[in-house]
């Protein structure tokens, strides 16, 4: 399994807002999971946790190798709704348990 942290998209208006809600400044506001040859994430605009085809060519990424296989967790959570409340109240530890924003999927695997 790999955890992938993605750089902000150039010109993105959402990344600075997301970073503000996350409680800090980061150039890498998006997280993804690569497991068994497939890429998974959740986004504000897509609104759910799902498989994605690729990472945009113009984004820099940091990749972390993590021991183990999280496919069972992925299968159990595919389709989970985006955690709108969790993004806004992340720094207070408030979120909807069954929903995820991108960093929550990384935290929970």
C-alpha atoms as a PDB file:
ATOM      1  CA  UNK A   1       0.000   0.000   0.000  1.00  0.00           C
ATOM      2  CA  UNK A   2       1.111   3.551  -0.651  1.00  0.00           C
ATOM      3  CA  UNK A   3      -0.106   6.837   0.779  1.00  0.00           C
ATOM      4  CA  UNK A   4       0.176   9.679  -1.715  1.00  0.00           C
ATOM      5  CA  UNK A   5       0.151  13.345  -0.722  1.00  0.00           C
ATOM      6  CA  UNK A   6      -0.537  15.711  -3.635  1.00  0.00           C
ATOM      7  CA  UNK A   7       0.605  19.276  -4.202  1.00  0.00           C
ATOM      8  CA  UNK A   8      -2.028  21.964  -4.721  1.00  0.00           C
ATOM      9  CA  UNK A   9      -3.266  22.372  -8.254  1.00  0.00           C
ATOM     10  CA  UNK A  10      -1.874  25.540  -9.804  1.00  0.00           C
ATOM     11  CA  UNK A  11      -4.506  28.282  -9.612  1.00  0.00           C
ATOM     12  CA  UNK A  12      -6.801  26.254  -7.360  1.00  0.00           C
ATOM     13  CA  UNK A  13      -9.161  28.402  -5.297  1.00  0.00           C
ATOM     14  CA  UNK A  14     -10.196  25.445  -3.144  1.00  0.00           C
ATOM     15  CA  UNK A  15      -6.758  24.439  -1.819  1.00  0.00           C
ATOM     16  CA  UNK A  16      -6.117  27.636   0.214  1.00  0.00           C
ATOM     17  CA  UNK A  17      -9.608  27.429   1.737  1.00  0.00           C
ATOM     18  CA  UNK A  18      -9.122  23.740   2.580  1.00  0.00           C
ATOM     19  CA  UNK A  19      -5.715  24.457   4.095  1.00  0.00           C
ATOM     20  CA  UNK A  20      -7.225  27.180   6.270  1.00  0.00           C
ATOM     21  CA  UNK A  21      -9.850  24.771   7.622  1.00  0.00           C
ATOM     22  CA  UNK A  22      -7.189  22.116   8.200  1.00  0.00           C
ATOM     23  CA  UNK A  23      -5.426  24.478  10.598  1.00  0.00           C
ATOM     24  CA  UNK A  24      -2.196  25.289   8.849  1.00  0.00           C
ATOM     25  CA  UNK A  25      -0.366  26.110   5.703  1.00  0.00           C
ATOM     26  CA  UNK A  26       0.563  23.304   3.387  1.00  0.00           C
ATOM     27  CA  UNK A  27       1.392  22.986  -0.272  1.00  0.00           C
ATOM     28  CA  UNK A  28       0.097  19.393  -0.133  1.00  0.00           C
ATOM     29  CA  UNK A  29      -3.603  19.576   0.738  1.00  0.00           C
ATOM     30  CA  UNK A  30      -4.751  16.289  -0.806  1.00  0.00           C
ATOM     31  CA  UNK A  31      -4.205  12.676   0.189  1.00  0.00           C
ATOM     32  CA  UNK A  32      -4.812   9.447  -1.725  1.00  0.00           C
ATOM     33  CA  UNK A  33      -4.323   5.696  -1.282  1.00  0.00           C
ATOM     34  CA  UNK A  34      -2.719   3.327  -3.807  1.00  0.00           C
ATOM     35  CA  UNK A  35      -3.527  -0.307  -3.057  1.00  0.00           C
ATOM     36  CA  UNK A  36      -3.383  -3.426  -5.230  1.00  0.00           C
ATOM     37  CA  UNK A  37      -2.683  -1.368  -8.350  1.00  0.00           C
ATOM     38  CA  UNK A  38      -5.635   1.001  -7.890  1.00  0.00           C
ATOM     39  CA  UNK A  39      -5.859   4.616  -6.747  1.00  0.00           C
ATOM     40  CA  UNK A  40      -8.541   5.811  -4.301  1.00  0.00           C
ATOM     41  CA  UNK A  41      -9.542   9.169  -2.851  1.00  0.00           C
ATOM     42  CA  UNK A  42     -12.419  11.439  -2.012  1.00  0.00           C
ATOM     43  CA  UNK A  43     -12.877  15.035  -3.130  1.00  0.00           C
ATOM     44  CA  UNK A  44     -15.079  17.981  -2.326  1.00  0.00           C
ATOM     45  CA  UNK A  45     -16.461  18.043  -5.874  1.00  0.00           C
ATOM     46  CA  UNK A  46     -16.949  14.282  -6.385  1.00  0.00           C
ATOM     47  CA  UNK A  47     -18.550  13.992  -2.956  1.00  0.00           C
ATOM     48  CA  UNK A  48     -17.678  10.365  -2.224  1.00  0.00           C
ATOM     49  CA  UNK A  49     -14.816   7.920  -1.634  1.00  0.00           C
ATOM     50  CA  UNK A  50     -14.081   6.013  -4.847  1.00  0.00           C
ATOM     51  CA  UNK A  51     -11.488   4.668  -7.232  1.00  0.00           C
ATOM     52  CA  UNK A  52      -9.893   7.259  -9.510  1.00  0.00           C
ATOM     53  CA  UNK A  53      -8.008   6.721 -12.755  1.00  0.00           C
ATOM     54  CA  UNK A  54      -4.934   8.915 -12.264  1.00  0.00           C
ATOM     55  CA  UNK A  55      -3.255  11.890 -10.650  1.00  0.00           C
ATOM     56  CA  UNK A  56      -3.097  15.063 -12.744  1.00  0.00           C
ATOM     57  CA  UNK A  57       0.229  15.295 -14.593  1.00  0.00           C
ATOM     58  CA  UNK A  58       0.956  18.795 -13.297  1.00  0.00           C
ATOM     59  CA  UNK A  59       0.899  17.850  -9.576  1.00  0.00           C
ATOM     60  CA  UNK A  60       3.949  17.047  -7.494  1.00  0.00           C
ATOM     61  CA  UNK A  61       3.403  14.141  -5.115  1.00  0.00           C
ATOM     62  CA  UNK A  62       5.080  12.612  -2.091  1.00  0.00           C
ATOM     63  CA  UNK A  63       4.706   8.842  -1.824  1.00  0.00           C
ATOM     64  CA  UNK A  64       4.974   6.847   1.404  1.00  0.00           C
ATOM     65  CA  UNK A  65       5.228   3.054   1.359  1.00  0.00           C
ATOM     66  CA  UNK A  66       3.119   1.597   4.151  1.00  0.00           C
ATOM     67  CA  UNK A  67       3.219  -2.050   5.212  1.00  0.00           C
ATOM     68  CA  UNK A  68       0.084  -4.069   4.696  1.00  0.00           C
ATOM     69  CA  UNK A  69      -2.972  -4.221   2.516  1.00  0.00           C
ATOM     70  CA  UNK A  70      -6.048  -2.105   3.214  1.00  0.00           C
ATOM     71  CA  UNK A  71      -8.339  -3.567   0.526  1.00  0.00           C
ATOM     72  CA  UNK A  72     -10.901  -4.840   3.029  1.00  0.00           C
ATOM     73  CA  UNK A  73     -11.165  -1.346   4.560  1.00  0.00           C
ATOM     74  CA  UNK A  74     -11.429   0.194   1.076  1.00  0.00           C
ATOM     75  CA  UNK A  75     -14.171  -2.250   0.038  1.00  0.00           C
ATOM     76  CA  UNK A  76     -16.119  -1.546   3.228  1.00  0.00           C
ATOM     77  CA  UNK A  77     -15.950   2.226   2.692  1.00  0.00           C
ATOM     78  CA  UNK A  78     -16.318   2.714  -1.073  1.00  0.00           C
ATOM     79  CA  UNK A  79     -19.061   5.224  -1.755  1.00  0.00           C
ATOM     80  CA  UNK A  80     -18.806   6.887   1.670  1.00  0.00           C
ATOM     81  CA  UNK A  81     -19.892  10.511   1.435  1.00  0.00           C
ATOM     82  CA  UNK A  82     -17.459  13.407   1.610  1.00  0.00           C
ATOM     83  CA  UNK A  83     -17.101  14.746   5.168  1.00  0.00           C
ATOM     84  CA  UNK A  84     -18.080  18.402   4.713  1.00  0.00           C
ATOM     85  CA  UNK A  85     -18.346  18.940   8.475  1.00  0.00           C
ATOM     86  CA  UNK A  86     -14.988  17.263   9.108  1.00  0.00           C
ATOM     87  CA  UNK A  87     -13.183  19.572   6.689  1.00  0.00           C
ATOM     88  CA  UNK A  88     -14.588  22.659   8.389  1.00  0.00           C
ATOM     89  CA  UNK A  89     -14.131  21.417  11.970  1.00  0.00           C
ATOM     90  CA  UNK A  90     -11.041  19.168  11.549  1.00  0.00           C
ATOM     91  CA  UNK A  91      -8.947  21.105  14.060  1.00  0.00           C
ATOM     92  CA  UNK A  92     -11.651  20.626  16.725  1.00  0.00           C
ATOM     93  CA  UNK A  93     -11.847  16.867  16.129  1.00  0.00           C
ATOM     94  CA  UNK A  94     -15.459  17.069  14.970  1.00  0.00           C
ATOM     95  CA  UNK A  95     -16.537  14.962  12.004  1.00  0.00           C
ATOM     96  CA  UNK A  96     -19.234  12.606  10.750  1.00  0.00           C
ATOM     97  CA  UNK A  97     -17.953   9.125  11.609  1.00  0.00           C
ATOM     98  CA  UNK A  98     -19.121   7.332   8.446  1.00  0.00           C
ATOM     99  CA  UNK A  99     -17.987  10.120   6.060  1.00  0.00           C
ATOM    100  CA  UNK A 100     -14.443  11.025   4.973  1.00  0.00           C
ATOM    101  CA  UNK A 101     -12.399  13.863   3.582  1.00  0.00           C
ATOM    102  CA  UNK A 102      -9.103  12.950   1.939  1.00  0.00           C
ATOM    103  CA  UNK A 103      -6.904  13.072   5.036  1.00  0.00           C
ATOM    104  CA  UNK A 104      -9.427  11.065   7.051  1.00  0.00           C
ATOM    105  CA  UNK A 105      -9.057   8.120   4.660  1.00  0.00           C
ATOM    106  CA  UNK A 106      -5.329   8.158   5.304  1.00  0.00           C
ATOM    107  CA  UNK A 107      -5.784   8.515   9.043  1.00  0.00           C
ATOM    108  CA  UNK A 108      -8.284   5.641   9.272  1.00  0.00           C
ATOM    109  CA  UNK A 109      -6.569   2.950   7.184  1.00  0.00           C
END
